[in-house]
């Protein structure tokens, strides 16, 4: 994790955890009533990062988005590591 980001987040919650490898998708912290602030990441940027990692053979028939989305859902969203587990935001975009 980027040291600058981790130091900034620790000002809100020293126990907050991070999603390794997704520094470029980091958005900030999210605060909720009765719960400690946690790190939050942009879901679509996380998937784009994974797509770049998966694109190693230039196979045009592969659906990299689907692969990255499946991986993200199972291995990232599906990984609960305690109260400091980060959150992922899906941004609303007006059409």
PDB file of N, CA and C in Angstrom:
ATOM      1  N   UNK A   1       0.848  -1.182   0.000  1.00  0.00           N
ATOM      2  CA  UNK A   1       0.000   0.000   0.000  1.00  0.00           C
ATOM      3  C   UNK A   1       0.885   1.234   0.000  1.00  0.00           C
ATOM      4  N   UNK A   2       0.457   2.207  -0.710  1.00  0.00           N
ATOM      5  CA  UNK A   2       1.132   3.491  -0.777  1.00  0.00           C
ATOM      6  C   UNK A   2       1.220   4.080   0.631  1.00  0.00           C
ATOM      7  N   UNK A   3       2.423   4.454   1.045  1.00  0.00           N
ATOM      8  CA  UNK A   3       2.634   4.944   2.404  1.00  0.00           C
ATOM      9  C   UNK A   3       1.820   6.210   2.688  1.00  0.00           C
ATOM     10  N   UNK A   4       1.747   7.109   1.727  1.00  0.00           N
ATOM     11  CA  UNK A   4       0.999   8.348   1.912  1.00  0.00           C
ATOM     12  C   UNK A   4      -0.481   8.057   2.165  1.00  0.00           C
ATOM     13  N   UNK A   5      -1.044   7.131   1.393  1.00  0.00           N
ATOM     14  CA  UNK A   5      -2.446   6.765   1.566  1.00  0.00           C
ATOM     15  C   UNK A   5      -2.655   6.111   2.924  1.00  0.00           C
ATOM     16  N   UNK A   6      -1.799   5.159   3.288  1.00  0.00           N
ATOM     17  CA  UNK A   6      -1.996   4.454   4.556  1.00  0.00           C
ATOM     18  C   UNK A   6      -1.868   5.390   5.750  1.00  0.00           C
ATOM     19  N   UNK A   7      -0.958   6.350   5.678  1.00  0.00           N
ATOM     20  CA  UNK A   7      -0.833   7.323   6.767  1.00  0.00           C
ATOM     21  C   UNK A   7      -2.073   8.204   6.851  1.00  0.00           C
ATOM     22  N   UNK A   8      -2.594   8.608   5.700  1.00  0.00           N
ATOM     23  CA  UNK A   8      -3.786   9.457   5.680  1.00  0.00           C
ATOM     24  C   UNK A   8      -4.984   8.702   6.257  1.00  0.00           C
ATOM     25  N   UNK A   9      -5.186   7.460   5.836  1.00  0.00           N
ATOM     26  CA  UNK A   9      -6.311   6.662   6.329  1.00  0.00           C
ATOM     27  C   UNK A   9      -6.181   6.400   7.821  1.00  0.00           C
ATOM     28  N   UNK A  10      -4.957   6.193   8.298  1.00  0.00           N
ATOM     29  CA  UNK A  10      -4.757   5.899   9.725  1.00  0.00           C
ATOM     30  C   UNK A  10      -5.179   7.068  10.611  1.00  0.00           C
ATOM     31  N   UNK A  11      -5.255   8.275  10.059  1.00  0.00           N
ATOM     32  CA  UNK A  11      -5.765   9.409  10.823  1.00  0.00           C
ATOM     33  C   UNK A  11      -7.246   9.223  11.163  1.00  0.00           C
ATOM     34  N   UNK A  12      -7.944   8.447  10.343  1.00  0.00           N
ATOM     35  CA  UNK A  12      -9.360   8.165  10.564  1.00  0.00           C
ATOM     36  C   UNK A  12      -9.547   6.872  11.362  1.00  0.00           C
ATOM     37  N   UNK A  13      -8.735   5.868  11.040  1.00  0.00           N
ATOM     38  CA  UNK A  13      -8.853   4.555  11.677  1.00  0.00           C
ATOM     39  C   UNK A  13      -7.540   3.801  11.505  1.00  0.00           C
ATOM     40  N   UNK A  14      -6.831   3.618  12.589  1.00  0.00           N
ATOM     41  CA  UNK A  14      -5.547   2.913  12.531  1.00  0.00           C
ATOM     42  C   UNK A  14      -5.713   1.435  12.195  1.00  0.00           C
ATOM     43  N   UNK A  15      -6.921   0.907  12.349  1.00  0.00           N
ATOM     44  CA  UNK A  15      -7.182  -0.505  12.092  1.00  0.00           C
ATOM     45  C   UNK A  15      -7.729  -0.760  10.680  1.00  0.00           C
ATOM     46  N   UNK A  16      -7.887   0.292   9.892  1.00  0.00           N
ATOM     47  CA  UNK A  16      -8.418   0.129   8.535  1.00  0.00           C
ATOM     48  C   UNK A  16      -7.460  -0.720   7.707  1.00  0.00           C
ATOM     49  N   UNK A  17      -8.029  -1.575   6.874  1.00  0.00           N
ATOM     50  CA  UNK A  17      -7.239  -2.445   6.008  1.00  0.00           C
ATOM     51  C   UNK A  17      -7.337  -1.950   4.570  1.00  0.00           C
ATOM     52  N   UNK A  18      -6.479  -2.495   3.717  1.00  0.00           N
ATOM     53  CA  UNK A  18      -6.393  -2.025   2.340  1.00  0.00           C
ATOM     54  C   UNK A  18      -6.505  -3.182   1.368  1.00  0.00           C
ATOM     55  N   UNK A  19      -6.873  -2.877   0.148  1.00  0.00           N
ATOM     56  CA  UNK A  19      -6.940  -3.860  -0.932  1.00  0.00           C
ATOM     57  C   UNK A  19      -5.616  -3.775  -1.695  1.00  0.00           C
ATOM     58  N   UNK A  20      -4.758  -4.737  -1.458  1.00  0.00           N
ATOM     59  CA  UNK A  20      -3.432  -4.730  -2.077  1.00  0.00           C
ATOM     60  C   UNK A  20      -3.513  -4.738  -3.605  1.00  0.00           C
ATOM     61  N   UNK A  21      -2.707  -3.899  -4.211  1.00  0.00           N
ATOM     62  CA  UNK A  21      -2.632  -3.839  -5.658  1.00  0.00           C
ATOM     63  C   UNK A  21      -3.631  -2.893  -6.306  1.00  0.00           C
ATOM     64  N   UNK A  22      -4.481  -2.270  -5.515  1.00  0.00           N
ATOM     65  CA  UNK A  22      -5.518  -1.395  -6.065  1.00  0.00           C
ATOM     66  C   UNK A  22      -5.316   0.063  -5.661  1.00  0.00           C
ATOM     67  N   UNK A  23      -4.082   0.461  -5.436  1.00  0.00           N
ATOM     68  CA  UNK A  23      -3.794   1.828  -5.005  1.00  0.00           C
ATOM     69  C   UNK A  23      -4.367   2.868  -5.965  1.00  0.00           C
ATOM     70  N   UNK A  24      -4.325   2.586  -7.265  1.00  0.00           N
ATOM     71  CA  UNK A  24      -4.826   3.548  -8.260  1.00  0.00           C
ATOM     72  C   UNK A  24      -6.347   3.668  -8.245  1.00  0.00           C
ATOM     73  N   UNK A  25      -7.028   2.754  -7.551  1.00  0.00           N
ATOM     74  CA  UNK A  25      -8.485   2.799  -7.453  1.00  0.00           C
ATOM     75  C   UNK A  25      -8.956   3.359  -6.114  1.00  0.00           C
ATOM     76  N   UNK A  26      -8.014   3.735  -5.255  1.00  0.00           N
ATOM     77  CA  UNK A  26      -8.358   4.269  -3.942  1.00  0.00           C
ATOM     78  C   UNK A  26      -9.110   5.587  -4.092  1.00  0.00           C
ATOM     79  N   UNK A  27     -10.222   5.726  -3.350  1.00  0.00           N
ATOM     80  CA  UNK A  27     -11.055   6.921  -3.420  1.00  0.00           C
ATOM     81  C   UNK A  27     -10.943   7.751  -2.147  1.00  0.00           C
ATOM     82  N   UNK A  28     -10.961   7.090  -1.004  1.00  0.00           N
ATOM     83  CA  UNK A  28     -10.929   7.799   0.271  1.00  0.00           C
ATOM     84  C   UNK A  28     -11.395   6.894   1.392  1.00  0.00           C
ATOM     85  N   UNK A  29     -12.084   7.478   2.361  1.00  0.00           N
ATOM     86  CA  UNK A  29     -12.650   6.683   3.455  1.00  0.00           C
ATOM     87  C   UNK A  29     -14.159   6.860   3.461  1.00  0.00           C
ATOM     88  N   UNK A  30     -14.821   5.885   4.009  1.00  0.00           N
ATOM     89  CA  UNK A  30     -16.265   5.948   4.155  1.00  0.00           C
ATOM     90  C   UNK A  30     -16.570   5.866   5.643  1.00  0.00           C
ATOM     91  N   UNK A  31     -17.511   6.699   6.056  1.00  0.00           N
ATOM     92  CA  UNK A  31     -17.891   6.732   7.461  1.00  0.00           C
ATOM     93  C   UNK A  31     -19.369   6.383   7.570  1.00  0.00           C
ATOM     94  N   UNK A  32     -19.677   5.561   8.578  1.00  0.00           N
ATOM     95  CA  UNK A  32     -21.060   5.168   8.828  1.00  0.00           C
ATOM     96  C   UNK A  32     -21.325   5.272  10.319  1.00  0.00           C
ATOM     97  N   UNK A  33     -22.542   5.571  10.665  1.00  0.00           N
ATOM     98  CA  UNK A  33     -22.914   5.710  12.064  1.00  0.00           C
ATOM     99  C   UNK A  33     -22.587   4.431  12.833  1.00  0.00           C
ATOM    100  N   UNK A  34     -21.910   4.591  13.943  1.00  0.00           N
ATOM    101  CA  UNK A  34     -21.628   3.475  14.831  1.00  0.00           C
ATOM    102  C   UNK A  34     -20.525   2.552  14.382  1.00  0.00           C
ATOM    103  N   UNK A  35     -19.838   2.885  13.283  1.00  0.00           N
ATOM    104  CA  UNK A  35     -18.763   2.033  12.776  1.00  0.00           C
ATOM    105  C   UNK A  35     -17.542   2.886  12.479  1.00  0.00           C
ATOM    106  N   UNK A  36     -16.391   2.259  12.588  1.00  0.00           N
ATOM    107  CA  UNK A  36     -15.151   2.971  12.296  1.00  0.00           C
ATOM    108  C   UNK A  36     -15.029   3.235  10.795  1.00  0.00           C
ATOM    109  N   UNK A  37     -14.413   4.352  10.415  1.00  0.00           N
ATOM    110  CA  UNK A  37     -14.184   4.633   8.998  1.00  0.00           C
ATOM    111  C   UNK A  37     -13.304   3.550   8.366  1.00  0.00           C
ATOM    112  N   UNK A  38     -13.550   3.259   7.099  1.00  0.00           N
ATOM    113  CA  UNK A  38     -12.761   2.269   6.368  1.00  0.00           C
ATOM    114  C   UNK A  38     -12.378   2.827   5.003  1.00  0.00           C
ATOM    115  N   UNK A  39     -11.344   2.236   4.422  1.00  0.00           N
ATOM    116  CA  UNK A  39     -10.890   2.628   3.089  1.00  0.00           C
ATOM    117  C   UNK A  39     -11.941   2.234   2.058  1.00  0.00           C
ATOM    118  N   UNK A  40     -12.066   3.056   1.023  1.00  0.00           N
ATOM    119  CA  UNK A  40     -13.025   2.754  -0.045  1.00  0.00           C
ATOM    120  C   UNK A  40     -12.331   2.905  -1.397  1.00  0.00           C
ATOM    121  N   UNK A  41     -12.708   2.004  -2.307  1.00  0.00           N
ATOM    122  CA  UNK A  41     -12.106   1.935  -3.638  1.00  0.00           C
ATOM    123  C   UNK A  41     -13.197   1.989  -4.700  1.00  0.00           C
ATOM    124  N   UNK A  42     -12.829   2.468  -5.878  1.00  0.00           N
ATOM    125  CA  UNK A  42     -13.727   2.512  -7.030  1.00  0.00           C
ATOM    126  C   UNK A  42     -13.756   1.126  -7.671  1.00  0.00           C
ATOM    127  N   UNK A  43     -14.929   0.507  -7.664  1.00  0.00           N
ATOM    128  CA  UNK A  43     -15.087  -0.860  -8.167  1.00  0.00           C
ATOM    129  C   UNK A  43     -14.642  -0.993  -9.624  1.00  0.00           C
ATOM    130  N   UNK A  44     -15.089  -0.097 -10.488  1.00  0.00           N
ATOM    131  CA  UNK A  44     -14.748  -0.199 -11.912  1.00  0.00           C
ATOM    132  C   UNK A  44     -13.253  -0.019 -12.155  1.00  0.00           C
ATOM    133  N   UNK A  45     -12.611   0.848 -11.376  1.00  0.00           N
ATOM    134  CA  UNK A  45     -11.165   1.003 -11.518  1.00  0.00           C
ATOM    135  C   UNK A  45     -10.443  -0.254 -11.070  1.00  0.00           C
ATOM    136  N   UNK A  46     -10.961  -0.913 -10.038  1.00  0.00           N
ATOM    137  CA  UNK A  46     -10.374  -2.184  -9.588  1.00  0.00           C
ATOM    138  C   UNK A  46     -10.468  -3.225 -10.699  1.00  0.00           C
ATOM    139  N   UNK A  47     -11.619  -3.298 -11.343  1.00  0.00           N
ATOM    140  CA  UNK A  47     -11.798  -4.259 -12.426  1.00  0.00           C
ATOM    141  C   UNK A  47     -10.881  -3.930 -13.595  1.00  0.00           C
ATOM    142  N   UNK A  48     -10.703  -2.654 -13.896  1.00  0.00           N
ATOM    143  CA  UNK A  48      -9.781  -2.253 -14.970  1.00  0.00           C
ATOM    144  C   UNK A  48      -8.348  -2.673 -14.639  1.00  0.00           C
ATOM    145  N   UNK A  49      -7.951  -2.536 -13.390  1.00  0.00           N
ATOM    146  CA  UNK A  49      -6.613  -2.963 -12.962  1.00  0.00           C
ATOM    147  C   UNK A  49      -6.455  -4.461 -13.166  1.00  0.00           C
ATOM    148  N   UNK A  50      -7.476  -5.220 -12.792  1.00  0.00           N
ATOM    149  CA  UNK A  50      -7.422  -6.671 -12.977  1.00  0.00           C
ATOM    150  C   UNK A  50      -7.373  -7.036 -14.457  1.00  0.00           C
ATOM    151  N   UNK A  51      -8.131  -6.328 -15.282  1.00  0.00           N
ATOM    152  CA  UNK A  51      -8.113  -6.601 -16.723  1.00  0.00           C
ATOM    153  C   UNK A  51      -6.712  -6.425 -17.285  1.00  0.00           C
ATOM    154  N   UNK A  52      -6.011  -5.393 -16.845  1.00  0.00           N
ATOM    155  CA  UNK A  52      -4.636  -5.184 -17.297  1.00  0.00           C
ATOM    156  C   UNK A  52      -3.743  -6.343 -16.878  1.00  0.00           C
ATOM    157  N   UNK A  53      -3.945  -6.837 -15.661  1.00  0.00           N
ATOM    158  CA  UNK A  53      -3.143  -7.952 -15.165  1.00  0.00           C
ATOM    159  C   UNK A  53      -3.449  -9.239 -15.926  1.00  0.00           C
ATOM    160  N   UNK A  54      -4.715  -9.440 -16.318  1.00  0.00           N
ATOM    161  CA  UNK A  54      -5.118 -10.664 -17.003  1.00  0.00           C
ATOM    162  C   UNK A  54      -4.762 -10.654 -18.488  1.00  0.00           C
ATOM    163  N   UNK A  55      -4.530  -9.493 -19.058  1.00  0.00           N
ATOM    164  CA  UNK A  55      -4.289  -9.370 -20.500  1.00  0.00           C
ATOM    165  C   UNK A  55      -2.828  -9.689 -20.807  1.00  0.00           C
ATOM    166  N   UNK A  56      -2.501 -10.976 -20.732  1.00  0.00           N
ATOM    167  CA  UNK A  56      -1.114 -11.372 -20.932  1.00  0.00           C
ATOM    168  C   UNK A  56      -0.876 -12.146 -22.221  1.00  0.00           C
ATOM    169  N   UNK A  57      -1.935 -12.521 -22.908  1.00  0.00           N
ATOM    170  CA  UNK A  57      -1.729 -13.330 -24.112  1.00  0.00           C
ATOM    171  C   UNK A  57      -2.384 -12.753 -25.369  1.00  0.00           C
ATOM    172  N   UNK A  58      -2.969 -11.573 -25.250  1.00  0.00           N
ATOM    173  CA  UNK A  58      -3.608 -10.890 -26.381  1.00  0.00           C
ATOM    174  C   UNK A  58      -4.623 -11.763 -27.113  1.00  0.00           C
ATOM    175  N   UNK A  59      -5.296 -12.663 -26.390  1.00  0.00           N
ATOM    176  CA  UNK A  59      -6.341 -13.508 -26.959  1.00  0.00           C
ATOM    177  C   UNK A  59      -7.607 -12.668 -27.099  1.00  0.00           C
ATOM    178  N   UNK A  60      -7.949 -12.331 -28.335  1.00  0.00           N
ATOM    179  CA  UNK A  60      -9.087 -11.446 -28.584  1.00  0.00           C
ATOM    180  C   UNK A  60     -10.423 -12.092 -28.246  1.00  0.00           C
ATOM    181  N   UNK A  61     -10.453 -13.406 -28.109  1.00  0.00           N
ATOM    182  CA  UNK A  61     -11.700 -14.090 -27.811  1.00  0.00           C
ATOM    183  C   UNK A  61     -12.002 -14.118 -26.313  1.00  0.00           C
ATOM    184  N   UNK A  62     -11.022 -13.805 -25.495  1.00  0.00           N
ATOM    185  CA  UNK A  62     -11.242 -13.779 -24.051  1.00  0.00           C
ATOM    186  C   UNK A  62     -12.084 -12.572 -23.687  1.00  0.00           C
ATOM    187  N   UNK A  63     -12.976 -12.756 -22.747  1.00  0.00           N
ATOM    188  CA  UNK A  63     -13.757 -11.643 -22.217  1.00  0.00           C
ATOM    189  C   UNK A  63     -13.079 -11.207 -20.921  1.00  0.00           C
ATOM    190  N   UNK A  64     -12.110 -10.309 -21.053  1.00  0.00           N
ATOM    191  CA  UNK A  64     -11.323  -9.883 -19.900  1.00  0.00           C
ATOM    192  C   UNK A  64     -12.183  -9.221 -18.833  1.00  0.00           C
ATOM    193  N   UNK A  65     -13.193  -8.464 -19.266  1.00  0.00           N
ATOM    194  CA  UNK A  65     -14.053  -7.809 -18.275  1.00  0.00           C
ATOM    195  C   UNK A  65     -14.762  -8.858 -17.424  1.00  0.00           C
ATOM    196  N   UNK A  66     -15.315  -9.863 -18.067  1.00  0.00           N
ATOM    197  CA  UNK A  66     -16.028 -10.899 -17.328  1.00  0.00           C
ATOM    198  C   UNK A  66     -15.084 -11.656 -16.386  1.00  0.00           C
ATOM    199  N   UNK A  67     -13.907 -11.985 -16.876  1.00  0.00           N
ATOM    200  CA  UNK A  67     -12.925 -12.669 -16.026  1.00  0.00           C
ATOM    201  C   UNK A  67     -12.550 -11.819 -14.818  1.00  0.00           C
ATOM    202  N   UNK A  68     -12.278 -10.545 -15.078  1.00  0.00           N
ATOM    203  CA  UNK A  68     -11.892  -9.642 -13.992  1.00  0.00           C
ATOM    204  C   UNK A  68     -13.039  -9.446 -13.013  1.00  0.00           C
ATOM    205  N   UNK A  69     -14.252  -9.320 -13.517  1.00  0.00           N
ATOM    206  CA  UNK A  69     -15.417  -9.137 -12.657  1.00  0.00           C
ATOM    207  C   UNK A  69     -15.655 -10.377 -11.786  1.00  0.00           C
ATOM    208  N   UNK A  70     -15.517 -11.553 -12.376  1.00  0.00           N
ATOM    209  CA  UNK A  70     -15.672 -12.792 -11.608  1.00  0.00           C
ATOM    210  C   UNK A  70     -14.608 -12.891 -10.521  1.00  0.00           C
ATOM    211  N   UNK A  71     -13.372 -12.622 -10.907  1.00  0.00           N
ATOM    212  CA  UNK A  71     -12.277 -12.668  -9.939  1.00  0.00           C
ATOM    213  C   UNK A  71     -12.516 -11.661  -8.812  1.00  0.00           C
ATOM    214  N   UNK A  72     -12.900 -10.458  -9.183  1.00  0.00           N
ATOM    215  CA  UNK A  72     -13.147  -9.396  -8.213  1.00  0.00           C
ATOM    216  C   UNK A  72     -14.240  -9.808  -7.227  1.00  0.00           C
ATOM    217  N   UNK A  73     -15.338 -10.341  -7.747  1.00  0.00           N
ATOM    218  CA  UNK A  73     -16.450 -10.732  -6.898  1.00  0.00           C
ATOM    219  C   UNK A  73     -16.080 -11.826  -5.914  1.00  0.00           C
ATOM    220  N   UNK A  74     -15.302 -12.773  -6.361  1.00  0.00           N
ATOM    221  CA  UNK A  74     -14.966 -13.908  -5.502  1.00  0.00           C
ATOM    222  C   UNK A  74     -13.786 -13.620  -4.582  1.00  0.00           C
ATOM    223  N   UNK A  75     -12.726 -13.030  -5.125  1.00  0.00           N
ATOM    224  CA  UNK A  75     -11.473 -12.879  -4.390  1.00  0.00           C
ATOM    225  C   UNK A  75     -11.289 -11.546  -3.682  1.00  0.00           C
ATOM    226  N   UNK A  76     -12.014 -10.527  -4.104  1.00  0.00           N
ATOM    227  CA  UNK A  76     -11.850  -9.210  -3.482  1.00  0.00           C
ATOM    228  C   UNK A  76     -13.077  -8.896  -2.625  1.00  0.00           C
ATOM    229  N   UNK A  77     -14.228  -8.771  -3.243  1.00  0.00           N
ATOM    230  CA  UNK A  77     -15.453  -8.510  -2.490  1.00  0.00           C
ATOM    231  C   UNK A  77     -15.724  -9.659  -1.515  1.00  0.00           C
ATOM    232  N   UNK A  78     -15.421 -10.864  -1.946  1.00  0.00           N
ATOM    233  CA  UNK A  78     -15.695 -12.040  -1.132  1.00  0.00           C
ATOM    234  C   UNK A  78     -14.692 -12.303  -0.027  1.00  0.00           C
ATOM    235  N   UNK A  79     -13.765 -11.398   0.183  1.00  0.00           N
ATOM    236  CA  UNK A  79     -12.744 -11.590   1.213  1.00  0.00           C
ATOM    237  C   UNK A  79     -13.020 -10.706   2.414  1.00  0.00           C
ATOM    238  N   UNK A  80     -13.633 -11.277   3.424  1.00  0.00           N
ATOM    239  CA  UNK A  80     -13.882 -10.561   4.680  1.00  0.00           C
ATOM    240  C   UNK A  80     -12.704 -10.841   5.595  1.00  0.00           C
ATOM    241  N   UNK A  81     -12.016  -9.793   6.030  1.00  0.00           N
ATOM    242  CA  UNK A  81     -10.855  -9.970   6.917  1.00  0.00           C
ATOM    243  C   UNK A  81     -11.029  -9.184   8.212  1.00  0.00           C
ATOM    244  N   UNK A  82     -12.258  -8.911   8.567  1.00  0.00           N
ATOM    245  CA  UNK A  82     -12.532  -8.225   9.823  1.00  0.00           C
ATOM    246  C   UNK A  82     -13.185  -6.875   9.626  1.00  0.00           C
ATOM    247  N   UNK A  83     -13.390  -6.198  10.744  1.00  0.00           N
ATOM    248  CA  UNK A  83     -14.097  -4.910  10.745  1.00  0.00           C
ATOM    249  C   UNK A  83     -13.427  -3.852   9.876  1.00  0.00           C
ATOM    250  N   UNK A  84     -12.140  -3.946   9.657  1.00  0.00           N
ATOM    251  CA  UNK A  84     -11.437  -2.946   8.855  1.00  0.00           C
ATOM    252  C   UNK A  84     -11.424  -3.243   7.373  1.00  0.00           C
ATOM    253  N   UNK A  85     -12.144  -4.298   6.945  1.00  0.00           N
ATOM    254  CA  UNK A  85     -12.185  -4.669   5.532  1.00  0.00           C
ATOM    255  C   UNK A  85     -12.643  -3.484   4.688  1.00  0.00           C
ATOM    256  N   UNK A  86     -11.931  -3.182   3.603  1.00  0.00           N
ATOM    257  CA  UNK A  86     -12.312  -2.031   2.775  1.00  0.00           C
ATOM    258  C   UNK A  86     -13.649  -2.231   2.059  1.00  0.00           C
ATOM    259  N   UNK A  87     -14.193  -1.130   1.591  1.00  0.00           N
ATOM    260  CA  UNK A  87     -15.449  -1.130   0.837  1.00  0.00           C
ATOM    261  C   UNK A  87     -15.154  -0.739  -0.615  1.00  0.00           C
ATOM    262  N   UNK A  88     -16.096  -1.062  -1.491  1.00  0.00           N
ATOM    263  CA  UNK A  88     -15.941  -0.774  -2.912  1.00  0.00           C
ATOM    264  C   UNK A  88     -17.207  -0.096  -3.391  1.00  0.00           C
ATOM    265  N   UNK A  89     -17.020   1.038  -4.045  1.00  0.00           N
ATOM    266  CA  UNK A  89     -18.150   1.861  -4.474  1.00  0.00           C
ATOM    267  C   UNK A  89     -18.395   1.683  -5.974  1.00  0.00           C
ATOM    268  N   UNK A  90     -19.661   1.565  -6.305  1.00  0.00           N
ATOM    269  CA  UNK A  90     -20.069   1.592  -7.708  1.00  0.00           C
ATOM    270  C   UNK A  90     -20.668   2.974  -7.915  1.00  0.00           C
ATOM    271  N   UNK A  91     -20.043   3.749  -8.743  1.00  0.00           N
ATOM    272  CA  UNK A  91     -20.464   5.130  -8.953  1.00  0.00           C
ATOM    273  C   UNK A  91     -21.678   5.194  -9.874  1.00  0.00           C
ATOM    274  N   UNK A  92     -22.594   6.072  -9.527  1.00  0.00           N
ATOM    275  CA  UNK A  92     -23.747   6.353 -10.376  1.00  0.00           C
ATOM    276  C   UNK A  92     -23.316   7.318 -11.465  1.00  0.00           C
ATOM    277  N   UNK A  93     -23.632   6.958 -12.699  1.00  0.00           N
ATOM    278  CA  UNK A  93     -23.330   7.866 -13.801  1.00  0.00           C
ATOM    279  C   UNK A  93     -24.621   8.144 -14.545  1.00  0.00           C
ATOM    280  N   UNK A  94     -24.989   9.404 -14.554  1.00  0.00           N
ATOM    281  CA  UNK A  94     -26.202   9.830 -15.244  1.00  0.00           C
ATOM    282  C   UNK A  94     -26.009   9.655 -16.748  1.00  0.00           C
ATOM    283  N   UNK A  95     -26.988   9.061 -17.383  1.00  0.00           N
ATOM    284  CA  UNK A  95     -26.875   8.826 -18.839  1.00  0.00           C
ATOM    285  C   UNK A  95     -27.214  10.039 -19.636  1.00  0.00           C
TER     286      UNK A  95
END
